[in-house]
PDB file of N, CA and C in Angstrom:
ATOM      1  N   MET A   1      56.397 -71.253 109.596  1.00  0.00           N
ATOM      2  CA  MET A   1      57.044 -72.278 108.786  1.00  0.00           C
ATOM      3  C   MET A   1      56.179 -73.533 108.767  1.00  0.00           C
ATOM      4  N   SER A   2      56.294 -74.264 107.678  1.00  0.00           N
ATOM      5  CA  SER A   2      55.544 -75.509 107.550  1.00  0.00           C
ATOM      6  C   SER A   2      56.260 -76.626 108.304  1.00  0.00           C
ATOM      7  N   LYS A   3      55.567 -77.715 108.493  1.00  0.00           N
ATOM      8  CA  LYS A   3      56.145 -78.878 109.157  1.00  0.00           C
ATOM      9  C   LYS A   3      57.386 -79.354 108.390  1.00  0.00           C
ATOM     10  N   ARG A   4      57.294 -79.363 107.048  1.00  0.00           N
ATOM     11  CA  ARG A   4      58.435 -79.794 106.252  1.00  0.00           C
ATOM     12  C   ARG A   4      59.623 -78.853 106.446  1.00  0.00           C
ATOM     13  N   ASP A   5      59.383 -77.554 106.478  1.00  0.00           N
ATOM     14  CA  ASP A   5      60.462 -76.590 106.698  1.00  0.00           C
ATOM     15  C   ASP A   5      61.117 -76.810 108.062  1.00  0.00           C
ATOM     16  N   ASP A   6      60.297 -77.118 109.060  1.00  0.00           N
ATOM     17  CA  ASP A   6      60.831 -77.403 110.391  1.00  0.00           C
ATOM     18  C   ASP A   6      61.737 -78.634 110.363  1.00  0.00           C
ATOM     19  N   LEU A   7      61.308 -79.657 109.628  1.00  0.00           N
ATOM     20  CA  LEU A   7      62.114 -80.875 109.536  1.00  0.00           C
ATOM     21  C   LEU A   7      63.412 -80.627 108.773  1.00  0.00           C
ATOM     22  N   ILE A   8      63.357 -79.849 107.709  1.00  0.00           N
ATOM     23  CA  ILE A   8      64.574 -79.523 106.957  1.00  0.00           C
ATOM     24  C   ILE A   8      65.566 -78.809 107.863  1.00  0.00           C
ATOM     25  N   ALA A   9      65.075 -77.873 108.651  1.00  0.00           N
ATOM     26  CA  ALA A   9      65.945 -77.161 109.592  1.00  0.00           C
ATOM     27  C   ALA A   9      66.521 -78.124 110.633  1.00  0.00           C
ATOM     28  N   LYS A  10      65.706 -79.067 111.098  1.00  0.00           N
ATOM     29  CA  LYS A  10      66.173 -80.058 112.076  1.00  0.00           C
ATOM     30  C   LYS A  10      67.272 -80.933 111.473  1.00  0.00           C
ATOM     31  N   TYR A  11      67.090 -81.362 110.236  1.00  0.00           N
ATOM     32  CA  TYR A  11      68.094 -82.214 109.582  1.00  0.00           C
ATOM     33  C   TYR A  11      69.387 -81.443 109.330  1.00  0.00           C
ATOM     34  N   ALA A  12      69.279 -80.183 108.925  1.00  0.00           N
ATOM     35  CA  ALA A  12      70.470 -79.359 108.698  1.00  0.00           C
ATOM     36  C   ALA A  12      71.237 -79.167 110.001  1.00  0.00           C
ATOM     37  N   ALA A  13      70.521 -78.917 111.087  1.00  0.00           N
ATOM     38  CA  ALA A  13      71.173 -78.760 112.393  1.00  0.00           C
ATOM     39  C   ALA A  13      71.832 -80.069 112.816  1.00  0.00           C
ATOM     40  N   ASP A  14      71.169 -81.186 112.547  1.00  0.00           N
ATOM     41  CA  ASP A  14      71.721 -82.499 112.875  1.00  0.00           C
ATOM     42  C   ASP A  14      73.035 -82.726 112.123  1.00  0.00           C
ATOM     43  N   MET A  15      73.063 -82.354 110.869  1.00  0.00           N
ATOM     44  CA  MET A  15      74.278 -82.518 110.062  1.00  0.00           C
ATOM     45  C   MET A  15      75.408 -81.646 110.587  1.00  0.00           C
ATOM     46  N   GLN A  16      75.078 -80.430 110.994  1.00  0.00           N
ATOM     47  CA  GLN A  16      76.106 -79.534 111.503  1.00  0.00           C
ATOM     48  C   GLN A  16      76.598 -79.989 112.874  1.00  0.00           C
ATOM     49  N   ASP A  17      75.684 -80.374 113.753  1.00  0.00           N
ATOM     50  CA  ASP A  17      76.053 -80.741 115.122  1.00  0.00           C
ATOM     51  C   ASP A  17      76.733 -82.099 115.213  1.00  0.00           C
ATOM     52  N   LYS A  18      76.178 -83.105 114.553  1.00  0.00           N
ATOM     53  CA  LYS A  18      76.677 -84.472 114.701  1.00  0.00           C
ATOM     54  C   LYS A  18      77.742 -84.848 113.676  1.00  0.00           C
ATOM     55  N   LEU A  19      77.696 -84.215 112.503  1.00  0.00           N
ATOM     56  CA  LEU A  19      78.607 -84.606 111.430  1.00  0.00           C
ATOM     57  C   LEU A  19      79.610 -83.520 111.065  1.00  0.00           C
ATOM     58  N   GLY A  20      79.397 -82.321 111.591  1.00  0.00           N
ATOM     59  CA  GLY A  20      80.319 -81.225 111.309  1.00  0.00           C
ATOM     60  C   GLY A  20      80.330 -80.792 109.858  1.00  0.00           C
ATOM     61  N   MET A  21      79.182 -80.943 109.195  1.00  0.00           N
ATOM     62  CA  MET A  21      79.112 -80.540 107.797  1.00  0.00           C
ATOM     63  C   MET A  21      77.951 -79.589 107.568  1.00  0.00           C
ATOM     64  N   ALA A  22      78.192 -78.607 106.710  1.00  0.00           N
ATOM     65  CA  ALA A  22      77.137 -77.661 106.347  1.00  0.00           C
ATOM     66  C   ALA A  22      76.511 -78.149 105.047  1.00  0.00           C
ATOM     67  N   PRO A  23      75.244 -78.531 105.077  1.00  0.00           N
ATOM     68  CA  PRO A  23      74.616 -79.076 103.871  1.00  0.00           C
ATOM     69  C   PRO A  23      74.278 -78.009 102.845  1.00  0.00           C
ATOM     70  N   ASP A  24      74.199 -78.448 101.607  1.00  0.00           N
ATOM     71  CA  ASP A  24      73.645 -77.635 100.531  1.00  0.00           C
ATOM     72  C   ASP A  24      72.134 -77.649 100.776  1.00  0.00           C
ATOM     73  N   MET A  25      71.583 -76.538 101.204  1.00  0.00           N
ATOM     74  CA  MET A  25      70.180 -76.500 101.620  1.00  0.00           C
ATOM     75  C   MET A  25      69.224 -76.804 100.469  1.00  0.00           C
ATOM     76  N   ASP A  26      69.582 -76.422  99.262  1.00  0.00           N
ATOM     77  CA  ASP A  26      68.727 -76.712  98.108  1.00  0.00           C
ATOM     78  C   ASP A  26      68.646 -78.224  97.887  1.00  0.00           C
ATOM     79  N   LEU A  27      69.793 -78.899  97.934  1.00  0.00           N
ATOM     80  CA  LEU A  27      69.808 -80.349  97.754  1.00  0.00           C
ATOM     81  C   LEU A  27      69.113 -81.040  98.921  1.00  0.00           C
ATOM     82  N   LEU A  28      69.374 -80.592 100.144  1.00  0.00           N
ATOM     83  CA  LEU A  28      68.725 -81.194 101.304  1.00  0.00           C
ATOM     84  C   LEU A  28      67.205 -81.076 101.191  1.00  0.00           C
ATOM     85  N   THR A  29      66.730 -79.931 100.758  1.00  0.00           N
ATOM     86  CA  THR A  29      65.292 -79.738 100.578  1.00  0.00           C
ATOM     87  C   THR A  29      64.736 -80.724  99.556  1.00  0.00           C
ATOM     88  N   LYS A  30      65.440 -80.910  98.451  1.00  0.00           N
ATOM     89  CA  LYS A  30      64.984 -81.847  97.423  1.00  0.00           C
ATOM     90  C   LYS A  30      64.994 -83.289  97.927  1.00  0.00           C
ATOM     91  N   VAL A  31      66.015 -83.647  98.717  1.00  0.00           N
ATOM     92  CA  VAL A  31      66.082 -84.999  99.278  1.00  0.00           C
ATOM     93  C   VAL A  31      64.916 -85.221 100.241  1.00  0.00           C
ATOM     94  N   VAL A  32      64.639 -84.227 101.077  1.00  0.00           N
ATOM     95  CA  VAL A  32      63.528 -84.326 102.026  1.00  0.00           C
ATOM     96  C   VAL A  32      62.204 -84.491 101.272  1.00  0.00           C
ATOM     97  N   ILE A  33      61.992 -83.709 100.251  1.00  0.00           N
ATOM     98  CA  ILE A  33      60.773 -83.828  99.451  1.00  0.00           C
ATOM     99  C   ILE A  33      60.699 -85.219  98.825  1.00  0.00           C
ATOM    100  N   GLY A  34      61.834 -85.723  98.362  1.00  0.00           N
ATOM    101  CA  GLY A  34      61.887 -87.045  97.759  1.00  0.00           C
ATOM    102  C   GLY A  34      61.562 -88.176  98.730  1.00  0.00           C
ATOM    103  N   CYS A  35      61.770 -87.937 100.016  1.00  0.00           N
ATOM    104  CA  CYS A  35      61.446 -88.954 101.027  1.00  0.00           C
ATOM    105  C   CYS A  35      59.940 -89.118 101.186  1.00  0.00           C
ATOM    106  N   GLY A  36      59.193 -88.126 100.744  1.00  0.00           N
ATOM    107  CA  GLY A  36      57.739 -88.211 100.807  1.00  0.00           C
ATOM    108  C   GLY A  36      57.212 -88.225 102.225  1.00  0.00           C
ATOM    109  N   PRO A  37      56.114 -88.915 102.441  1.00  0.00           N
ATOM    110  CA  PRO A  37      55.471 -88.902 103.754  1.00  0.00           C
ATOM    111  C   PRO A  37      56.262 -89.621 104.847  1.00  0.00           C
ATOM    112  N   ALA A  38      57.311 -90.343 104.477  1.00  0.00           N
ATOM    113  CA  ALA A  38      58.096 -91.072 105.480  1.00  0.00           C
ATOM    114  C   ALA A  38      58.667 -90.144 106.548  1.00  0.00           C
ATOM    115  N   ILE A  39      58.972 -88.912 106.181  1.00  0.00           N
ATOM    116  CA  ILE A  39      59.587 -88.009 107.156  1.00  0.00           C
ATOM    117  C   ILE A  39      58.629 -87.592 108.270  1.00  0.00           C
ATOM    118  N   TYR A  40      57.343 -87.808 108.066  1.00  0.00           N
ATOM    119  CA  TYR A  40      56.362 -87.406 109.075  1.00  0.00           C
ATOM    120  C   TYR A  40      56.043 -88.516 110.062  1.00  0.00           C
ATOM    121  N   SER A  41      56.606 -89.685 109.860  1.00  0.00           N
ATOM    122  CA  SER A  41      56.418 -90.814 110.766  1.00  0.00           C
ATOM    123  C   SER A  41      57.689 -90.982 111.593  1.00  0.00           C
ATOM    124  N   ASP A  42      57.551 -91.002 112.917  1.00  0.00           N
ATOM    125  CA  ASP A  42      58.727 -91.118 113.777  1.00  0.00           C
ATOM    126  C   ASP A  42      59.549 -92.361 113.461  1.00  0.00           C
ATOM    127  N   ASP A  43      58.880 -93.465 113.136  1.00  0.00           N
ATOM    128  CA  ASP A  43      59.600 -94.704 112.847  1.00  0.00           C
ATOM    129  C   ASP A  43      60.276 -94.646 111.483  1.00  0.00           C
ATOM    130  N   ALA A  44      59.577 -94.215 110.465  1.00  0.00           N
ATOM    131  CA  ALA A  44      60.126 -94.198 109.106  1.00  0.00           C
ATOM    132  C   ALA A  44      61.112 -93.055 108.891  1.00  0.00           C
ATOM    133  N   GLU A  45      61.059 -92.043 109.739  1.00  0.00           N
ATOM    134  CA  GLU A  45      61.944 -90.885 109.598  1.00  0.00           C
ATOM    135  C   GLU A  45      63.403 -91.257 109.846  1.00  0.00           C
ATOM    136  N   THR A  46      63.621 -92.313 110.623  1.00  0.00           N
ATOM    137  CA  THR A  46      64.977 -92.723 110.962  1.00  0.00           C
ATOM    138  C   THR A  46      65.327 -94.047 110.287  1.00  0.00           C
ATOM    139  N   VAL A  47      66.606 -94.283 110.174  1.00  0.00           N
ATOM    140  CA  VAL A  47      67.125 -95.519 109.591  1.00  0.00           C
ATOM    141  C   VAL A  47      67.541 -96.445 110.725  1.00  0.00           C
ATOM    142  N   ALA A  48      67.078 -97.676 110.667  1.00  0.00           N
ATOM    143  CA  ALA A  48      67.493 -98.703 111.632  1.00  0.00           C
ATOM    144  C   ALA A  48      68.807 -99.295 111.122  1.00  0.00           C
ATOM    145  N   ALA A  49      69.913 -98.661 111.480  1.00  0.00           N
ATOM    146  CA  ALA A  49      71.214 -99.010 110.917  1.00  0.00           C
ATOM    147  C   ALA A  49      71.697-100.406 111.305  1.00  0.00           C
ATOM    148  N   SER A  50      71.145-100.964 112.369  1.00  0.00           N
ATOM    149  CA  SER A  50      71.570-102.300 112.780  1.00  0.00           C
ATOM    150  C   SER A  50      70.729-103.402 112.129  1.00  0.00           C
ATOM    151  N   ASP A  51      69.748-103.022 111.329  1.00  0.00           N
ATOM    152  CA  ASP A  51      68.867-103.987 110.673  1.00  0.00           C
ATOM    153  C   ASP A  51      69.337-104.224 109.231  1.00  0.00           C
ATOM    154  N   PRO A  52      69.858-105.425 108.948  1.00  0.00           N
ATOM    155  CA  PRO A  52      70.349-105.699 107.588  1.00  0.00           C
ATOM    156  C   PRO A  52      69.270-105.541 106.515  1.00  0.00           C
ATOM    157  N   ASP A  53      68.017-105.853 106.853  1.00  0.00           N
ATOM    158  CA  ASP A  53      66.928-105.694 105.882  1.00  0.00           C
ATOM    159  C   ASP A  53      66.721-104.223 105.530  1.00  0.00           C
ATOM    160  N   GLU A  54      66.846-103.352 106.518  1.00  0.00           N
ATOM    161  CA  GLU A  54      66.699-101.910 106.280  1.00  0.00           C
ATOM    162  C   GLU A  54      67.810-101.414 105.359  1.00  0.00           C
ATOM    163  N   LEU A  55      69.036-101.846 105.601  1.00  0.00           N
ATOM    164  CA  LEU A  55      70.165-101.426 104.772  1.00  0.00           C
ATOM    165  C   LEU A  55      70.005-101.949 103.343  1.00  0.00           C
ATOM    166  N   GLU A  56      69.461-103.148 103.207  1.00  0.00           N
ATOM    167  CA  GLU A  56      69.205-103.718 101.884  1.00  0.00           C
ATOM    168  C   GLU A  56      68.138-102.914 101.142  1.00  0.00           C
ATOM    169  N   ARG A  57      67.099-102.455 101.858  1.00  0.00           N
ATOM    170  CA  ARG A  57      66.070-101.617 101.236  1.00  0.00           C
ATOM    171  C   ARG A  57      66.660-100.298 100.744  1.00  0.00           C
ATOM    172  N   ILE A  58      67.567 -99.727 101.517  1.00  0.00           N
ATOM    173  CA  ILE A  58      68.223 -98.485 101.096  1.00  0.00           C
ATOM    174  C   ILE A  58      69.030 -98.742  99.823  1.00  0.00           C
ATOM    175  N   ARG A  59      69.735 -99.869  99.793  1.00  0.00           N
ATOM    176  CA  ARG A  59      70.544-100.217  98.626  1.00  0.00           C
ATOM    177  C   ARG A  59      69.665-100.362  97.383  1.00  0.00           C
ATOM    178  N   GLN A  60      68.595-101.135  97.514  1.00  0.00           N
ATOM    179  CA  GLN A  60      67.748-101.402  96.354  1.00  0.00           C
ATOM    180  C   GLN A  60      66.872-100.211  95.971  1.00  0.00           C
ATOM    181  N   ASN A  61      66.140 -99.672  96.948  1.00  0.00           N
ATOM    182  CA  ASN A  61      65.136 -98.649  96.638  1.00  0.00           C
ATOM    183  C   ASN A  61      65.710 -97.258  96.442  1.00  0.00           C
ATOM    184  N   TYR A  62      66.782 -96.941  97.145  1.00  0.00           N
ATOM    185  CA  TYR A  62      67.333 -95.593  96.995  1.00  0.00           C
ATOM    186  C   TYR A  62      68.516 -95.569  96.029  1.00  0.00           C
ATOM    187  N   LEU A  63      69.527 -96.349  96.336  1.00  0.00           N
ATOM    188  CA  LEU A  63      70.736 -96.265  95.508  1.00  0.00           C
ATOM    189  C   LEU A  63      70.520 -96.783  94.090  1.00  0.00           C
ATOM    190  N   MET A  64      69.852 -97.920  93.957  1.00  0.00           N
ATOM    191  CA  MET A  64      69.677 -98.506  92.623  1.00  0.00           C
ATOM    192  C   MET A  64      68.501 -97.890  91.871  1.00  0.00           C
ATOM    193  N   LYS A  65      67.345 -97.761  92.530  1.00  0.00           N
ATOM    194  CA  LYS A  65      66.161 -97.243  91.832  1.00  0.00           C
ATOM    195  C   LYS A  65      66.199 -95.725  91.677  1.00  0.00           C
ATOM    196  N   LYS A  66      66.357 -95.012  92.774  1.00  0.00           N
ATOM    197  CA  LYS A  66      66.290 -93.547  92.719  1.00  0.00           C
ATOM    198  C   LYS A  66      67.530 -92.949  92.051  1.00  0.00           C
ATOM    199  N   LEU A  67      68.715 -93.390  92.506  1.00  0.00           N
ATOM    200  CA  LEU A  67      69.937 -92.793  91.966  1.00  0.00           C
ATOM    201  C   LEU A  67      70.426 -93.490  90.700  1.00  0.00           C
ATOM    202  N   GLY A  68      69.884 -94.666  90.397  1.00  0.00           N
ATOM    203  CA  GLY A  68      70.239 -95.362  89.168  1.00  0.00           C
ATOM    204  C   GLY A  68      71.627 -95.970  89.166  1.00  0.00           C
ATOM    205  N   LEU A  69      72.133 -96.324  90.326  1.00  0.00           N
ATOM    206  CA  LEU A  69      73.471 -96.910  90.403  1.00  0.00           C
ATOM    207  C   LEU A  69      73.428 -98.407  90.099  1.00  0.00           C
ATOM    208  N   PRO A  70      74.469 -98.928  89.453  1.00  0.00           N
ATOM    209  CA  PRO A  70      74.515-100.371  89.202  1.00  0.00           C
ATOM    210  C   PRO A  70      74.820-101.112  90.500  1.00  0.00           C
ATOM    211  N   ASP A  71      74.313-102.325  90.606  1.00  0.00           N
ATOM    212  CA  ASP A  71      74.532-103.132  91.796  1.00  0.00           C
ATOM    213  C   ASP A  71      76.012-103.492  91.920  1.00  0.00           C
ATOM    214  N   GLY A  72      76.465-103.546  93.132  1.00  0.00           N
ATOM    215  CA  GLY A  72      77.849-103.929  93.406  1.00  0.00           C
ATOM    216  C   GLY A  72      78.144-103.761  94.877  1.00  0.00           C
ATOM    217  N   PRO A  73      79.247-104.342  95.334  1.00  0.00           N
ATOM    218  CA  PRO A  73      79.583-104.280  96.763  1.00  0.00           C
ATOM    219  C   PRO A  73      79.841-102.859  97.259  1.00  0.00           C
ATOM    220  N   GLU A  74      80.191-101.947  96.347  1.00  0.00           N
ATOM    221  CA  GLU A  74      80.469-100.575  96.766  1.00  0.00           C
ATOM    222  C   GLU A  74      79.223 -99.876  97.311  1.00  0.00           C
ATOM    223  N   LEU A  75      78.033-100.343  96.934  1.00  0.00           N
ATOM    224  CA  LEU A  75      76.805 -99.722  97.444  1.00  0.00           C
ATOM    225  C   LEU A  75      76.657 -99.964  98.937  1.00  0.00           C
ATOM    226  N   MET A  76      76.790-101.215  99.360  1.00  0.00           N
ATOM    227  CA  MET A  76      76.665-101.519 100.786  1.00  0.00           C
ATOM    228  C   MET A  76      77.845-100.930 101.564  1.00  0.00           C
ATOM    229  N   ASP A  77      79.023-100.888 100.943  1.00  0.00           N
ATOM    230  CA  ASP A  77      80.186-100.268 101.590  1.00  0.00           C
ATOM    231  C   ASP A  77      79.910 -98.792 101.872  1.00  0.00           C
ATOM    232  N   ALA A  78      79.285 -98.114 100.919  1.00  0.00           N
ATOM    233  CA  ALA A  78      78.973 -96.688 101.098  1.00  0.00           C
ATOM    234  C   ALA A  78      77.936 -96.490 102.198  1.00  0.00           C
ATOM    235  N   ILE A  79      76.924 -97.355 102.227  1.00  0.00           N
ATOM    236  CA  ILE A  79      75.902 -97.259 103.282  1.00  0.00           C
ATOM    237  C   ILE A  79      76.556 -97.431 104.645  1.00  0.00           C
ATOM    238  N   LYS A  80      77.413 -98.425 104.775  1.00  0.00           N
ATOM    239  CA  LYS A  80      78.088 -98.678 106.052  1.00  0.00           C
ATOM    240  C   LYS A  80      79.010 -97.521 106.423  1.00  0.00           C
ATOM    241  N   ALA A  81      79.671 -96.923 105.438  1.00  0.00           N
ATOM    242  CA  ALA A  81      80.546 -95.777 105.705  1.00  0.00           C
ATOM    243  C   ALA A  81      79.741 -94.584 106.221  1.00  0.00           C
ATOM    244  N   VAL A  82      78.574 -94.350 105.629  1.00  0.00           N
ATOM    245  CA  VAL A  82      77.713 -93.249 106.077  1.00  0.00           C
ATOM    246  C   VAL A  82      77.219 -93.516 107.499  1.00  0.00           C
ATOM    247  N   VAL A  83      76.800 -94.739 107.769  1.00  0.00           N
ATOM    248  CA  VAL A  83      76.329 -95.105 109.109  1.00  0.00           C
ATOM    249  C   VAL A  83      77.466 -94.945 110.125  1.00  0.00           C
ATOM    250  N   ASP A  84      78.674 -95.369 109.747  1.00  0.00           N
ATOM    251  CA  ASP A  84      79.830 -95.226 110.637  1.00  0.00           C
ATOM    252  C   ASP A  84      80.141 -93.754 110.901  1.00  0.00           C
ATOM    253  N   LYS A  85      80.049 -92.933 109.853  1.00  0.00           N
ATOM    254  CA  LYS A  85      80.316 -91.505 110.023  1.00  0.00           C
ATOM    255  C   LYS A  85      79.291 -90.870 110.959  1.00  0.00           C
ATOM    256  N   TYR A  86      78.047 -91.297 110.828  1.00  0.00           N
ATOM    257  CA  TYR A  86      76.977 -90.799 111.710  1.00  0.00           C
ATOM    258  C   TYR A  86      77.282 -91.188 113.152  1.00  0.00           C
ATOM    259  N   GLY A  87      77.872 -92.359 113.332  1.00  0.00           N
ATOM    260  CA  GLY A  87      78.299 -92.816 114.654  1.00  0.00           C
ATOM    261  C   GLY A  87      77.263 -93.663 115.365  1.00  0.00           C
ATOM    262  N   SER A  88      77.736 -94.700 116.023  1.00  0.00           N
ATOM    263  CA  SER A  88      76.832 -95.602 116.740  1.00  0.00           C
ATOM    264  C   SER A  88      76.200 -94.928 117.956  1.00  0.00           C
ATOM    265  N   ALA A  89      76.821 -93.885 118.464  1.00  0.00           N
ATOM    266  CA  ALA A  89      76.264 -93.175 119.621  1.00  0.00           C
ATOM    267  C   ALA A  89      75.017 -92.372 119.235  1.00  0.00           C
ATOM    268  N   ASN A  90      74.886 -92.053 117.971  1.00  0.00           N
ATOM    269  CA  ASN A  90      73.726 -91.308 117.492  1.00  0.00           C
ATOM    270  C   ASN A  90      72.620 -92.288 117.134  1.00  0.00           C
ATOM    271  N   ARG A  91      71.688 -92.457 118.027  1.00  0.00           N
ATOM    272  CA  ARG A  91      70.619 -93.423 117.798  1.00  0.00           C
ATOM    273  C   ARG A  91      69.654 -92.977 116.704  1.00  0.00           C
ATOM    274  N   SER A  92      69.468 -91.680 116.555  1.00  0.00           N
ATOM    275  CA  SER A  92      68.553 -91.167 115.525  1.00  0.00           C
ATOM    276  C   SER A  92      69.342 -90.799 114.277  1.00  0.00           C
ATOM    277  N   LYS A  93      69.380 -91.728 113.356  1.00  0.00           N
ATOM    278  CA  LYS A  93      70.020 -91.475 112.070  1.00  0.00           C
ATOM    279  C   LYS A  93      68.890 -91.156 111.086  1.00  0.00           C
ATOM    280  N   TYR A  94      68.742 -89.887 110.810  1.00  0.00           N
ATOM    281  CA  TYR A  94      67.619 -89.460 109.985  1.00  0.00           C
ATOM    282  C   TYR A  94      67.774 -89.923 108.541  1.00  0.00           C
ATOM    283  N   ARG A  95      66.709 -90.475 107.994  1.00  0.00           N
ATOM    284  CA  ARG A  95      66.688 -91.015 106.634  1.00  0.00           C
ATOM    285  C   ARG A  95      67.122 -89.958 105.620  1.00  0.00           C
ATOM    286  N   ALA A  96      66.595 -88.743 105.737  1.00  0.00           N
ATOM    287  CA  ALA A  96      66.931 -87.693 104.779  1.00  0.00           C
ATOM    288  C   ALA A  96      68.426 -87.366 104.820  1.00  0.00           C
ATOM    289  N   VAL A  97      69.024 -87.395 106.004  1.00  0.00           N
ATOM    290  CA  VAL A  97      70.454 -87.109 106.130  1.00  0.00           C
ATOM    291  C   VAL A  97      71.270 -88.245 105.518  1.00  0.00           C
ATOM    292  N   VAL A  98      70.884 -89.479 105.795  1.00  0.00           N
ATOM    293  CA  VAL A  98      71.582 -90.632 105.215  1.00  0.00           C
ATOM    294  C   VAL A  98      71.490 -90.582 103.695  1.00  0.00           C
ATOM    295  N   TYR A  99      70.304 -90.306 103.163  1.00  0.00           N
ATOM    296  CA  TYR A  99      70.124 -90.227 101.713  1.00  0.00           C
ATOM    297  C   TYR A  99      70.959 -89.082 101.123  1.00  0.00           C
ATOM    298  N   TYR A 100      70.968 -87.939 101.799  1.00  0.00           N
ATOM    299  CA  TYR A 100      71.760 -86.796 101.344  1.00  0.00           C
ATOM    300  C   TYR A 100      73.238 -87.180 101.254  1.00  0.00           C
ATOM    301  N   MET A 101      73.735 -87.830 102.304  1.00  0.00           N
ATOM    302  CA  MET A 101      75.150 -88.206 102.340  1.00  0.00           C
ATOM    303  C   MET A 101      75.480 -89.230 101.253  1.00  0.00           C
ATOM    304  N   LEU A 102      74.579 -90.168 101.013  1.00  0.00           N
ATOM    305  CA  LEU A 102      74.804 -91.152  99.949  1.00  0.00           C
ATOM    306  C   LEU A 102      74.777 -90.487  98.574  1.00  0.00           C
ATOM    307  N   CYS A 103      73.857 -89.569  98.390  1.00  0.00           N
ATOM    308  CA  CYS A 103      73.736 -88.845  97.130  1.00  0.00           C
ATOM    309  C   CYS A 103      75.027 -88.086  96.825  1.00  0.00           C
ATOM    310  N   THR A 104      75.551 -87.372  97.807  1.00  0.00           N
ATOM    311  CA  THR A 104      76.783 -86.609  97.585  1.00  0.00           C
ATOM    312  C   THR A 104      77.992 -87.537  97.475  1.00  0.00           C
ATOM    313  N   HIS A 105      77.985 -88.647  98.203  1.00  0.00           N
ATOM    314  CA  HIS A 105      79.084 -89.617  98.125  1.00  0.00           C
ATOM    315  C   HIS A 105      79.258 -90.124  96.695  1.00  0.00           C
ATOM    316  N   PHE A 106      78.165 -90.418  96.035  1.00  0.00           N
ATOM    317  CA  PHE A 106      78.220 -90.943  94.675  1.00  0.00           C
ATOM    318  C   PHE A 106      78.155 -89.851  93.610  1.00  0.00           C
ATOM    319  N   GLY A 107      78.063 -88.578  94.033  1.00  0.00           N
ATOM    320  CA  GLY A 107      78.001 -87.481  93.069  1.00  0.00           C
ATOM    321  C   GLY A 107      76.753 -87.515  92.196  1.00  0.00           C
ATOM    322  N   LYS A 108      75.640 -87.931  92.774  1.00  0.00           N
ATOM    323  CA  LYS A 108      74.396 -88.092  92.013  1.00  0.00           C
ATOM    324  C   LYS A 108      73.379 -86.991  92.320  1.00  0.00           C
ATOM    325  N   GLU A 109      73.874 -85.805  92.609  1.00  0.00           N
ATOM    326  CA  GLU A 109      72.998 -84.680  92.897  1.00  0.00           C
ATOM    327  C   GLU A 109      72.032 -84.415  91.746  1.00  0.00           C
ATOM    328  N   GLY A 110      72.434 -84.780  90.532  1.00  0.00           N
ATOM    329  CA  GLY A 110      71.598 -84.591  89.348  1.00  0.00           C
ATOM    330  C   GLY A 110      70.304 -85.385  89.384  1.00  0.00           C
ATOM    331  N   ALA A 111      70.224 -86.395  90.240  1.00  0.00           N
ATOM    332  CA  ALA A 111      68.992 -87.183  90.367  1.00  0.00           C
ATOM    333  C   ALA A 111      67.858 -86.313  90.902  1.00  0.00           C
ATOM    334  N   TYR A 112      68.188 -85.188  91.503  1.00  0.00           N
ATOM    335  CA  TYR A 112      67.191 -84.291  92.069  1.00  0.00           C
ATOM    336  C   TYR A 112      67.028 -83.026  91.254  1.00  0.00           C
ATOM    337  N   ALA A 113      67.574 -83.009  90.042  1.00  0.00           N
ATOM    338  CA  ALA A 113      67.498 -81.802  89.207  1.00  0.00           C
ATOM    339  C   ALA A 113      66.088 -81.611  88.662  1.00  0.00           C
TER     340      ALA A 113
END
């Protein structure tokens, strides 16, 4: 298996173990590919959920630019809901998993078609 395949499997296991959800593997694969080289960096692979600047980057660069959502308070509310669901005890909140959850939350799976 390739490094990317290993990471996809790791993210799927993380979703099942920590979140109790079975991901759509096709969508998860597309989200991982969309993350680009960030998934190969230990620092960029995870989301710093306690950093307001990081959450703002997710809002602007992922939700508004990638998914094409209009700006509004519901964007940050959704990010916080995903972070809360992941749980504060889980220090490693993987970027691909957070993006996957946001994508499905807003029903924007078509952004990866």
